[in-house]
Amino acid sequence: MNKSRRLVREDGFSLIELLVVLTVIGVLLAIAVPSYMGFTGRANQKAADADIRSALPGIENLYSTKGSYSSLTLTKIRASYDSGAKFAGYHVSDTGQTYCISIKLSGKWAWVQRGKTTLANGDVQESVPAASCQ
């Protein structure tokens, strides 16, 4: 008799209750995930910008010492501010008076062109750089 009572007992959630809970969770995820992705994208962009800006004083110091950017290398760029930043590339003009450095961090680009021929306002650009700077 005790066994038949267990079979008749209706403990647990109904199908409707489970569907309502899953719908609420789905709506919350639909709101939270895009917001999180936007946050990480902006964070990666700002980190790339910061890496470029951190390298600039060392590069300008090299210019003030040598009078040219001709001896600029990725090794010297990384050593100038002791960071593990992975620069995508750099380019020094033939005259050694202009340089361009770029970095790509999780799909976000940051780059700058400085020297005698500056680009736009000379500040860090947040777009895909020219092929010569990648």
N, C-alpha and C. Protein backbone atom coordinates (compact mmCIF):
# COMPACT_ATOMS: atom_id res chain seq x y z
N MET A 1 0.81 -1.18 0.00
CA MET A 1 0.00 0.00 0.00
C MET A 1 0.87 1.27 0.00
N ASN A 2 1.93 1.24 0.71
CA ASN A 2 2.84 2.37 0.77
C ASN A 2 3.42 2.66 -0.62
N LYS A 3 3.67 1.59 -1.36
CA LYS A 3 4.24 1.75 -2.70
C LYS A 3 3.25 2.45 -3.64
N SER A 4 2.00 2.15 -3.57
CA SER A 4 1.00 2.78 -4.44
C SER A 4 0.80 4.25 -4.09
N ARG A 5 1.01 4.62 -2.86
CA ARG A 5 0.92 6.04 -2.49
C ARG A 5 2.02 6.85 -3.16
N ARG A 6 3.20 6.27 -3.27
CA ARG A 6 4.29 6.98 -3.93
C ARG A 6 3.99 7.22 -5.40
N LEU A 7 3.33 6.30 -6.05
CA LEU A 7 3.02 6.44 -7.46
C LEU A 7 1.96 7.52 -7.70
N VAL A 8 1.06 7.69 -6.77
CA VAL A 8 -0.01 8.66 -6.92
C VAL A 8 0.48 10.08 -6.60
N ARG A 9 1.48 10.20 -5.75
CA ARG A 9 1.99 11.51 -5.34
C ARG A 9 2.52 12.28 -6.54
N GLU A 10 2.23 13.57 -6.63
CA GLU A 10 2.65 14.37 -7.77
C GLU A 10 3.62 15.46 -7.31
N ASP A 11 4.83 15.08 -7.01
CA ASP A 11 5.87 16.05 -6.64
C ASP A 11 6.61 16.47 -7.90
N GLY A 12 7.22 17.67 -7.87
CA GLY A 12 8.01 18.14 -9.00
C GLY A 12 7.34 19.30 -9.71
N PHE A 13 7.91 19.66 -10.85
CA PHE A 13 7.42 20.79 -11.63
C PHE A 13 6.61 20.30 -12.81
N SER A 14 5.65 21.09 -13.19
CA SER A 14 4.87 20.74 -14.38
C SER A 14 5.61 21.22 -15.62
N LEU A 15 5.22 20.77 -16.75
CA LEU A 15 5.86 21.15 -18.01
C LEU A 15 5.72 22.66 -18.25
N ILE A 16 4.60 23.22 -17.93
CA ILE A 16 4.38 24.66 -18.10
C ILE A 16 5.34 25.47 -17.24
N GLU A 17 5.51 25.06 -15.99
CA GLU A 17 6.43 25.77 -15.10
C GLU A 17 7.86 25.73 -15.64
N LEU A 18 8.28 24.58 -16.14
CA LEU A 18 9.62 24.45 -16.70
C LEU A 18 9.79 25.33 -17.94
N LEU A 19 8.78 25.39 -18.79
CA LEU A 19 8.85 26.23 -19.98
C LEU A 19 8.93 27.72 -19.62
N VAL A 20 8.18 28.13 -18.61
CA VAL A 20 8.23 29.53 -18.17
C VAL A 20 9.62 29.88 -17.65
N VAL A 21 10.21 28.99 -16.85
CA VAL A 21 11.55 29.25 -16.32
C VAL A 21 12.57 29.32 -17.45
N LEU A 22 12.50 28.40 -18.41
CA LEU A 22 13.43 28.41 -19.53
C LEU A 22 13.26 29.67 -20.39
N THR A 23 12.04 30.13 -20.55
CA THR A 23 11.79 31.36 -21.31
C THR A 23 12.40 32.56 -20.61
N VAL A 24 12.23 32.65 -19.30
CA VAL A 24 12.81 33.76 -18.54
C VAL A 24 14.34 33.73 -18.64
N ILE A 25 14.94 32.57 -18.51
CA ILE A 25 16.40 32.45 -18.62
C ILE A 25 16.85 32.86 -20.02
N GLY A 26 16.11 32.44 -21.05
CA GLY A 26 16.45 32.81 -22.42
C GLY A 26 16.40 34.31 -22.65
N VAL A 27 15.39 34.97 -22.10
CA VAL A 27 15.28 36.43 -22.24
C VAL A 27 16.45 37.12 -21.53
N LEU A 28 16.77 36.67 -20.35
CA LEU A 28 17.90 37.26 -19.62
C LEU A 28 19.21 37.08 -20.38
N LEU A 29 19.44 35.91 -20.95
CA LEU A 29 20.65 35.69 -21.73
C LEU A 29 20.67 36.55 -22.99
N ALA A 30 19.52 36.72 -23.62
CA ALA A 30 19.46 37.55 -24.82
C ALA A 30 19.81 39.00 -24.52
N ILE A 31 19.58 39.44 -23.33
CA ILE A 31 19.94 40.79 -22.92
C ILE A 31 21.39 40.86 -22.47
N ALA A 32 21.86 39.89 -21.72
CA ALA A 32 23.18 39.95 -21.10
C ALA A 32 24.32 39.67 -22.07
N VAL A 33 24.18 38.71 -22.95
CA VAL A 33 25.30 38.30 -23.81
C VAL A 33 25.75 39.42 -24.74
N PRO A 34 24.87 40.09 -25.49
CA PRO A 34 25.36 41.19 -26.34
C PRO A 34 26.01 42.32 -25.54
N SER A 35 25.48 42.59 -24.38
CA SER A 35 26.08 43.63 -23.54
C SER A 35 27.49 43.24 -23.13
N TYR A 36 27.66 41.99 -22.76
CA TYR A 36 28.99 41.50 -22.37
C TYR A 36 29.96 41.54 -23.55
N MET A 37 29.50 41.14 -24.72
CA MET A 37 30.37 41.13 -25.89
C MET A 37 30.79 42.55 -26.25
N GLY A 38 29.89 43.50 -26.13
CA GLY A 38 30.24 44.90 -26.39
C GLY A 38 31.26 45.40 -25.39
N PHE A 39 31.11 45.00 -24.15
CA PHE A 39 32.06 45.41 -23.12
C PHE A 39 33.45 44.86 -23.41
N THR A 40 33.55 43.58 -23.77
CA THR A 40 34.88 43.00 -24.04
C THR A 40 35.49 43.62 -25.29
N GLY A 41 34.67 43.94 -26.28
CA GLY A 41 35.20 44.59 -27.48
C GLY A 41 35.80 45.95 -27.18
N ARG A 42 35.09 46.75 -26.38
CA ARG A 42 35.62 48.06 -25.99
C ARG A 42 36.87 47.93 -25.13
N ALA A 43 36.90 46.93 -24.26
CA ALA A 43 38.07 46.71 -23.41
C ALA A 43 39.29 46.33 -24.24
N ASN A 44 39.10 45.47 -25.23
CA ASN A 44 40.21 45.09 -26.12
C ASN A 44 40.71 46.28 -26.92
N GLN A 45 39.79 47.14 -27.38
CA GLN A 45 40.20 48.33 -28.13
C GLN A 45 41.03 49.26 -27.26
N LYS A 46 40.58 49.50 -26.05
CA LYS A 46 41.31 50.39 -25.15
C LYS A 46 42.67 49.81 -24.75
N ALA A 47 42.75 48.48 -24.61
CA ALA A 47 44.04 47.85 -24.29
C ALA A 47 45.01 48.00 -25.46
N ALA A 48 44.53 47.85 -26.68
CA ALA A 48 45.39 48.03 -27.85
C ALA A 48 45.86 49.48 -27.94
N ASP A 49 44.96 50.43 -27.71
CA ASP A 49 45.32 51.84 -27.72
C ASP A 49 46.39 52.13 -26.66
N ALA A 50 46.22 51.57 -25.48
CA ALA A 50 47.17 51.80 -24.39
C ALA A 50 48.55 51.22 -24.71
N ASP A 51 48.60 50.06 -25.36
CA ASP A 51 49.89 49.48 -25.73
C ASP A 51 50.63 50.38 -26.72
N ILE A 52 49.89 50.93 -27.69
CA ILE A 52 50.51 51.84 -28.66
C ILE A 52 51.03 53.09 -27.95
N ARG A 53 50.20 53.68 -27.11
CA ARG A 53 50.61 54.91 -26.41
C ARG A 53 51.80 54.67 -25.48
N SER A 54 51.87 53.48 -24.90
CA SER A 54 52.99 53.18 -24.00
C SER A 54 54.31 53.05 -24.75
N ALA A 55 54.25 52.65 -26.00
CA ALA A 55 55.47 52.47 -26.78
C ALA A 55 56.01 53.80 -27.32
N LEU A 56 55.19 54.81 -27.45
CA LEU A 56 55.60 56.06 -28.09
C LEU A 56 56.75 56.79 -27.40
N PRO A 57 56.76 56.93 -26.07
CA PRO A 57 57.89 57.64 -25.46
C PRO A 57 59.25 56.98 -25.74
N GLY A 58 59.31 55.67 -25.73
CA GLY A 58 60.57 54.98 -26.02
C GLY A 58 61.02 55.20 -27.46
N ILE A 59 60.07 55.22 -28.37
CA ILE A 59 60.40 55.45 -29.79
C ILE A 59 60.90 56.88 -29.98
N GLU A 60 60.22 57.83 -29.33
CA GLU A 60 60.66 59.22 -29.44
C GLU A 60 62.02 59.43 -28.77
N ASN A 61 62.29 58.67 -27.71
CA ASN A 61 63.60 58.72 -27.07
C ASN A 61 64.68 58.22 -28.03
N LEU A 62 64.38 57.16 -28.78
CA LEU A 62 65.31 56.65 -29.79
C LEU A 62 65.60 57.72 -30.82
N TYR A 63 64.58 58.44 -31.25
CA TYR A 63 64.78 59.50 -32.23
C TYR A 63 65.65 60.62 -31.67
N SER A 64 65.40 61.00 -30.43
CA SER A 64 66.20 62.08 -29.85
C SER A 64 67.66 61.68 -29.66
N THR A 65 67.91 60.38 -29.48
CA THR A 65 69.28 59.89 -29.33
C THR A 65 69.98 59.75 -30.68
N LYS A 66 69.29 59.17 -31.66
CA LYS A 66 69.91 58.85 -32.95
C LYS A 66 69.64 59.90 -34.04
N GLY A 67 68.59 60.70 -33.88
CA GLY A 67 68.24 61.69 -34.90
C GLY A 67 67.48 61.09 -36.07
N SER A 68 67.09 59.82 -35.94
CA SER A 68 66.38 59.13 -37.01
C SER A 68 65.66 57.92 -36.42
N TYR A 69 64.64 57.46 -37.14
CA TYR A 69 63.94 56.25 -36.72
C TYR A 69 64.48 55.01 -37.44
N SER A 70 65.56 55.16 -38.21
CA SER A 70 66.08 54.08 -39.06
C SER A 70 66.42 52.82 -38.29
N SER A 71 66.87 52.93 -37.06
CA SER A 71 67.28 51.75 -36.29
C SER A 71 66.13 51.14 -35.49
N LEU A 72 64.92 51.62 -35.73
CA LEU A 72 63.74 51.12 -35.01
C LEU A 72 63.44 49.67 -35.40
N THR A 73 63.29 48.80 -34.40
CA THR A 73 62.90 47.41 -34.62
C THR A 73 61.81 47.04 -33.62
N LEU A 74 61.12 45.94 -33.88
CA LEU A 74 60.09 45.50 -32.93
C LEU A 74 60.70 45.17 -31.58
N THR A 75 61.91 44.63 -31.58
CA THR A 75 62.59 44.32 -30.32
C THR A 75 62.82 45.59 -29.51
N LYS A 76 63.25 46.65 -30.18
CA LYS A 76 63.47 47.93 -29.48
C LYS A 76 62.16 48.54 -29.01
N ILE A 77 61.10 48.36 -29.81
CA ILE A 77 59.80 48.90 -29.40
C ILE A 77 59.34 48.20 -28.13
N ARG A 78 59.43 46.87 -28.11
CA ARG A 78 58.99 46.11 -26.93
C ARG A 78 59.86 46.41 -25.72
N ALA A 79 61.15 46.57 -25.93
CA ALA A 79 62.07 46.83 -24.82
C ALA A 79 61.90 48.24 -24.25
N SER A 80 61.35 49.14 -25.06
CA SER A 80 61.26 50.53 -24.62
C SER A 80 60.29 50.72 -23.46
N TYR A 81 59.35 49.80 -23.28
CA TYR A 81 58.42 49.97 -22.16
C TYR A 81 58.10 48.66 -21.47
N ASP A 82 58.84 47.62 -21.77
CA ASP A 82 58.77 46.34 -21.04
C ASP A 82 57.34 45.80 -20.95
N SER A 83 56.77 45.52 -22.09
CA SER A 83 55.43 44.95 -22.12
C SER A 83 55.44 43.72 -23.02
N GLY A 84 54.52 42.83 -22.78
CA GLY A 84 54.40 41.65 -23.60
C GLY A 84 53.52 41.89 -24.81
N ALA A 85 53.31 43.13 -25.18
CA ALA A 85 52.43 43.45 -26.31
C ALA A 85 52.96 42.84 -27.59
N LYS A 86 52.07 42.27 -28.35
CA LYS A 86 52.43 41.65 -29.62
C LYS A 86 52.07 42.62 -30.75
N PHE A 87 53.03 43.43 -31.15
CA PHE A 87 52.78 44.39 -32.21
C PHE A 87 52.62 43.65 -33.53
N ALA A 88 51.65 44.05 -34.31
CA ALA A 88 51.39 43.40 -35.59
C ALA A 88 52.47 43.77 -36.60
N GLY A 89 52.97 44.97 -36.50
CA GLY A 89 53.99 45.38 -37.45
C GLY A 89 54.45 46.80 -37.22
N TYR A 90 55.42 47.15 -38.01
CA TYR A 90 55.94 48.51 -37.97
C TYR A 90 56.52 48.83 -39.33
N HIS A 91 56.66 50.10 -39.61
CA HIS A 91 57.27 50.52 -40.87
C HIS A 91 58.00 51.82 -40.59
N VAL A 92 59.21 51.92 -41.12
CA VAL A 92 59.99 53.15 -41.03
C VAL A 92 60.20 53.63 -42.45
N SER A 93 59.99 54.91 -42.68
CA SER A 93 60.14 55.45 -44.04
C SER A 93 61.60 55.34 -44.49
N ASP A 94 61.79 55.47 -45.80
CA ASP A 94 63.14 55.36 -46.37
C ASP A 94 64.07 56.42 -45.81
N THR A 95 63.55 57.58 -45.50
CA THR A 95 64.39 58.66 -44.97
C THR A 95 64.65 58.50 -43.48
N GLY A 96 63.90 57.62 -42.83
CA GLY A 96 64.07 57.42 -41.39
C GLY A 96 63.43 58.50 -40.55
N GLN A 97 62.60 59.33 -41.16
CA GLN A 97 61.99 60.44 -40.44
C GLN A 97 60.52 60.22 -40.08
N THR A 98 59.95 59.12 -40.53
CA THR A 98 58.55 58.81 -40.24
C THR A 98 58.45 57.33 -39.91
N TYR A 99 57.58 56.99 -38.95
CA TYR A 99 57.37 55.58 -38.62
C TYR A 99 55.89 55.33 -38.41
N CYS A 100 55.55 54.06 -38.46
CA CYS A 100 54.18 53.62 -38.22
C CYS A 100 54.27 52.32 -37.43
N ILE A 101 53.52 52.20 -36.33
CA ILE A 101 53.46 50.95 -35.58
C ILE A 101 51.99 50.58 -35.40
N SER A 102 51.73 49.27 -35.37
CA SER A 102 50.35 48.82 -35.23
C SER A 102 50.30 47.59 -34.33
N ILE A 103 49.12 47.37 -33.76
CA ILE A 103 48.88 46.20 -32.92
C ILE A 103 47.46 45.73 -33.17
N LYS A 104 47.26 44.42 -33.13
CA LYS A 104 45.93 43.84 -33.27
C LYS A 104 45.67 42.98 -32.05
N LEU A 105 44.63 43.31 -31.31
CA LEU A 105 44.30 42.60 -30.08
C LEU A 105 42.87 42.10 -30.17
N SER A 106 42.69 40.80 -30.31
CA SER A 106 41.36 40.17 -30.40
C SER A 106 40.48 40.83 -31.46
N GLY A 107 41.08 41.08 -32.62
CA GLY A 107 40.33 41.65 -33.74
C GLY A 107 40.22 43.16 -33.72
N LYS A 108 40.76 43.82 -32.72
CA LYS A 108 40.71 45.28 -32.64
C LYS A 108 42.08 45.86 -32.99
N TRP A 109 42.12 46.77 -33.94
CA TRP A 109 43.36 47.40 -34.38
C TRP A 109 43.58 48.74 -33.68
N ALA A 110 44.85 49.04 -33.47
CA ALA A 110 45.27 50.37 -33.03
C ALA A 110 46.60 50.63 -33.73
N TRP A 111 46.78 51.83 -34.22
CA TRP A 111 48.04 52.16 -34.89
C TRP A 111 48.26 53.66 -34.87
N VAL A 112 49.51 54.03 -35.11
CA VAL A 112 49.86 55.44 -35.12
C VAL A 112 50.97 55.65 -36.14
N GLN A 113 50.92 56.80 -36.80
CA GLN A 113 51.99 57.20 -37.71
C GLN A 113 52.50 58.54 -37.20
N ARG A 114 53.77 58.59 -36.97
CA ARG A 114 54.37 59.82 -36.42
C ARG A 114 55.67 60.15 -37.14
N GLY A 115 56.19 61.29 -36.82
CA GLY A 115 57.43 61.76 -37.42
C GLY A 115 57.14 63.03 -38.19
N LYS A 116 57.90 63.25 -39.25
CA LYS A 116 57.69 64.45 -40.05
C LYS A 116 56.37 64.41 -40.81
N THR A 117 55.91 63.21 -41.16
CA THR A 117 54.64 63.07 -41.87
C THR A 117 53.64 62.39 -40.93
N THR A 118 52.87 63.19 -40.22
CA THR A 118 51.89 62.59 -39.32
C THR A 118 50.61 62.32 -40.08
N LEU A 119 49.81 61.45 -39.53
CA LEU A 119 48.53 61.11 -40.15
C LEU A 119 47.42 61.68 -39.30
N ALA A 120 46.48 62.34 -39.94
CA ALA A 120 45.33 62.94 -39.27
C ALA A 120 45.83 63.82 -38.12
N ASN A 121 45.43 63.51 -36.90
CA ASN A 121 45.86 64.34 -35.77
C ASN A 121 47.06 63.74 -35.06
N GLY A 122 47.64 62.66 -35.61
CA GLY A 122 48.82 62.05 -35.00
C GLY A 122 48.51 61.17 -33.81
N ASP A 123 47.22 61.10 -33.44
CA ASP A 123 46.85 60.28 -32.30
C ASP A 123 46.62 58.84 -32.76
N VAL A 124 46.39 57.95 -31.82
CA VAL A 124 46.18 56.54 -32.12
C VAL A 124 44.90 56.38 -32.95
N GLN A 125 45.02 55.67 -34.05
CA GLN A 125 43.90 55.40 -34.95
C GLN A 125 43.29 54.05 -34.58
N GLU A 126 41.99 53.91 -34.68
CA GLU A 126 41.31 52.67 -34.32
C GLU A 126 40.65 52.04 -35.54
N SER A 127 41.44 51.84 -36.57
CA SER A 127 40.95 51.22 -37.79
C SER A 127 42.05 50.30 -38.32
N VAL A 128 41.75 49.59 -39.38
CA VAL A 128 42.76 48.72 -39.98
C VAL A 128 43.80 49.61 -40.65
N PRO A 129 45.08 49.45 -40.30
CA PRO A 129 46.10 50.32 -40.89
C PRO A 129 46.41 49.94 -42.33
N ALA A 130 47.16 50.81 -42.98
CA ALA A 130 47.62 50.52 -44.34
C ALA A 130 48.46 49.25 -44.32
N ALA A 131 48.53 48.57 -45.43
CA ALA A 131 49.25 47.31 -45.52
C ALA A 131 50.72 47.46 -45.12
N SER A 132 51.31 48.61 -45.37
CA SER A 132 52.73 48.80 -45.03
C SER A 132 52.96 48.89 -43.53
N CYS A 133 51.90 49.07 -42.75
CA CYS A 133 52.05 49.21 -41.30
C CYS A 133 51.62 47.95 -40.55
N GLN A 134 51.15 46.95 -41.25
CA GLN A 134 50.66 45.74 -40.57
C GLN A 134 51.79 44.77 -40.33
